[in-house]
């Protein structure tokens, strides 16, 4: 239940709700953000939804705000939760490593390139003294997710690889 609740209020989930509400058309953005697709950036959409929630709370109080927010976040729970969890490779990897009795991985930013408004991050995922995966993305979080996804695939390949046979 805790994991389900945390996924429902994650930035990804809040951005999804903001998209469903078409909240992006209500945003006033600067020229730079408009040029770089700011209306579709998950972090901006999630922040905008949080601002709406704050306004509802201030205007109508906690009980009314909670009712409205729950209706937004919990509708279609099973389908949306499955989609969110399927894309959360960092949590999947951590769960798999814990299941195997291993330590959590470490993420290291290897490089940043591009202008401030359009950065590309490259991240390595280290575990057990080796690089288990690499990934890149427009944010550190996105790059970490990509590295975790690659690491999960590597672990699965390792699991299905036949053991070397003794002569």
Protein backbone atom coordinates (compact mmCIF):
# COMPACT_ATOMS: atom_id res chain seq x y z
CA UNK A 1 0.00 0.00 0.00
CA UNK A 2 2.83 2.41 0.81
CA UNK A 3 4.46 1.84 -2.57
CA UNK A 4 1.11 2.26 -4.30
CA UNK A 5 0.49 5.52 -2.45
CA UNK A 6 3.97 6.88 -3.23
CA UNK A 7 3.55 6.02 -6.91
CA UNK A 8 0.21 7.82 -7.02
CA UNK A 9 1.78 11.07 -5.83
CA UNK A 10 5.00 10.78 -7.83
CA UNK A 11 5.92 13.49 -10.29
CA UNK A 12 5.05 11.12 -13.14
CA UNK A 13 1.56 10.49 -11.78
CA UNK A 14 0.93 14.18 -11.10
CA UNK A 15 2.07 15.07 -14.64
CA UNK A 16 -0.31 12.44 -16.03
CA UNK A 17 -3.24 13.96 -14.13
CA UNK A 18 -2.25 17.45 -15.31
CA UNK A 19 -2.19 16.18 -18.93
CA UNK A 20 -5.62 14.58 -18.50
CA UNK A 21 -6.93 17.91 -17.20
CA UNK A 22 -5.25 19.76 -20.09
CA UNK A 23 -3.66 22.01 -17.49
CA UNK A 24 -0.83 22.92 -19.90
CA UNK A 25 -3.07 25.36 -21.80
CA UNK A 26 -3.46 27.41 -18.60
CA UNK A 27 0.28 27.88 -18.04
CA UNK A 28 2.10 31.15 -18.66
CA UNK A 29 5.63 30.27 -19.67
CA UNK A 30 8.63 32.29 -20.74
CA UNK A 31 9.93 32.24 -24.31
CA UNK A 32 12.74 29.85 -23.41
CA UNK A 33 10.40 27.27 -21.89
CA UNK A 34 7.99 27.60 -24.81
CA UNK A 35 10.83 26.94 -27.28
CA UNK A 36 11.92 23.82 -25.42
CA UNK A 37 8.46 22.28 -25.09
CA UNK A 38 7.87 23.39 -21.51
CA UNK A 39 4.13 22.71 -21.71
CA UNK A 40 4.86 19.00 -21.99
CA UNK A 41 7.65 18.74 -19.39
CA UNK A 42 6.53 16.39 -16.63
CA UNK A 43 8.18 18.46 -13.89
CA UNK A 44 6.35 21.64 -14.96
CA UNK A 45 3.03 19.83 -15.26
CA UNK A 46 3.47 18.20 -11.84
CA UNK A 47 4.39 21.55 -10.26
CA UNK A 48 1.36 23.21 -11.87
CA UNK A 49 -0.95 20.53 -10.48
CA UNK A 50 0.58 20.95 -7.02
CA UNK A 51 -0.14 24.69 -7.27
CA UNK A 52 -3.78 23.95 -8.13
CA UNK A 53 -4.01 21.61 -5.14
CA UNK A 54 -2.57 24.34 -2.91
CA UNK A 55 -5.12 26.84 -4.21
CA UNK A 56 -7.99 24.42 -3.56
CA UNK A 57 -6.69 23.81 -0.04
CA UNK A 58 -6.46 27.54 0.72
CA UNK A 59 -9.86 28.25 -0.78
CA UNK A 60 -11.94 25.26 0.37
CA UNK A 61 -10.01 23.68 3.25
CA UNK A 62 -8.46 20.30 3.86
CA UNK A 63 -11.55 18.04 3.62
CA UNK A 64 -12.73 19.40 0.27
CA UNK A 65 -9.19 19.47 -1.10
CA UNK A 66 -8.57 15.85 -0.07
CA UNK A 67 -11.79 14.75 -1.75
CA UNK A 68 -10.91 16.46 -5.02
CA UNK A 69 -7.31 15.23 -5.04
CA UNK A 70 -8.35 11.65 -4.28
CA UNK A 71 -10.79 11.71 -7.19
CA UNK A 72 -7.99 12.82 -9.52
CA UNK A 73 -5.31 10.44 -8.28
CA UNK A 74 -7.29 7.27 -7.60
CA UNK A 75 -9.57 7.04 -10.64
CA UNK A 76 -8.60 4.12 -12.87
CA UNK A 77 -6.11 3.09 -10.19
CA UNK A 78 -5.22 -0.38 -11.37
CA UNK A 79 -4.53 0.47 -15.01
CA UNK A 80 -2.60 3.64 -14.29
CA UNK A 81 -0.65 2.13 -11.40
CA UNK A 82 0.48 -0.77 -13.59
CA UNK A 83 1.74 1.70 -16.21
CA UNK A 84 3.58 3.78 -13.62
CA UNK A 85 5.20 0.77 -11.96
CA UNK A 86 6.20 -0.73 -15.31
CA UNK A 87 8.27 2.38 -16.06
CA UNK A 88 9.87 2.71 -12.61
CA UNK A 89 13.04 0.79 -13.36
CA UNK A 90 14.94 2.16 -10.35
CA UNK A 91 12.39 0.65 -7.94
CA UNK A 92 12.27 -2.60 -9.91
CA UNK A 93 16.07 -2.87 -9.80
CA UNK A 94 16.27 -2.10 -6.09
CA UNK A 95 13.57 -4.67 -5.39
CA UNK A 96 15.43 -7.31 -7.43
CA UNK A 97 18.74 -6.58 -5.69
CA UNK A 98 17.08 -6.74 -2.26
CA UNK A 99 15.45 -10.03 -3.23
CA UNK A 100 18.92 -11.38 -4.01
CA UNK A 101 20.26 -10.09 -0.68
CA UNK A 102 22.45 -7.47 -2.36
CA UNK A 103 23.18 -3.84 -1.54
CA UNK A 104 21.45 -0.96 -3.35
CA UNK A 105 23.15 0.40 -6.47
CA UNK A 106 24.98 3.72 -6.78
CA UNK A 107 24.29 6.18 -9.59
CA UNK A 108 27.10 8.43 -10.88
CA UNK A 109 26.74 11.26 -13.38
CA UNK A 110 29.51 10.72 -15.95
CA UNK A 111 28.82 13.76 -18.11
CA UNK A 112 26.53 16.69 -18.84
CA UNK A 113 26.40 18.23 -22.29
CA UNK A 114 24.37 20.81 -24.13
CA UNK A 115 23.10 24.26 -23.22
CA UNK A 116 21.45 24.88 -19.83
CA UNK A 117 17.93 24.73 -21.28
CA UNK A 118 18.58 21.48 -23.16
CA UNK A 119 21.04 19.37 -21.16
CA UNK A 120 21.83 15.72 -21.78
CA UNK A 121 22.99 13.71 -18.76
CA UNK A 122 24.90 10.42 -18.93
CA UNK A 123 24.81 8.21 -15.84
CA UNK A 124 26.51 4.98 -14.85
CA UNK A 125 24.97 2.55 -12.40
CA UNK A 126 27.55 0.89 -10.18
CA UNK A 127 26.98 -2.28 -8.20
CA UNK A 128 29.40 -4.74 -6.69
CA UNK A 129 32.44 -2.82 -7.93
CA UNK A 130 31.37 -2.83 -11.57
CA UNK A 131 29.27 -0.81 -13.99
CA UNK A 132 25.98 -2.66 -14.33
CA UNK A 133 24.34 -0.21 -16.73
CA UNK A 134 24.52 3.20 -18.38
CA UNK A 135 21.83 5.61 -19.46
CA UNK A 136 21.23 9.09 -20.77
CA UNK A 137 18.37 11.54 -20.54
CA UNK A 138 17.23 15.16 -20.38
CA UNK A 139 17.38 15.02 -16.57
CA UNK A 140 19.50 13.11 -14.06
CA UNK A 141 16.40 11.19 -12.99
CA UNK A 142 15.61 10.19 -16.59
CA UNK A 143 19.22 9.08 -17.13
CA UNK A 144 19.13 7.06 -13.90
CA UNK A 145 15.91 5.34 -15.02
CA UNK A 146 17.56 4.44 -18.34
CA UNK A 147 20.63 3.04 -16.54
CA UNK A 148 18.40 1.04 -14.18
CA UNK A 149 16.45 -0.36 -17.15
CA UNK A 150 19.69 -1.49 -18.81
CA UNK A 151 20.84 -3.01 -15.51
CA UNK A 152 17.61 -4.98 -15.11
CA UNK A 153 18.09 -6.39 -18.61
CA UNK A 154 21.69 -7.30 -17.76
CA UNK A 155 20.58 -9.07 -14.56
CA UNK A 156 17.92 -11.00 -16.46
CA UNK A 157 20.45 -12.08 -19.09
CA UNK A 158 22.80 -13.17 -16.31
CA UNK A 159 19.99 -15.20 -14.74
CA UNK A 160 19.17 -17.02 -17.98
CA UNK A 161 22.78 -17.60 -19.04
CA UNK A 162 23.80 -21.26 -18.55
CA UNK A 163 26.40 -21.91 -15.83
CA UNK A 164 29.83 -22.93 -17.08
CA UNK A 165 30.19 -26.70 -16.95
CA UNK A 166 33.14 -28.36 -15.26
CA UNK A 167 35.22 -30.73 -17.39
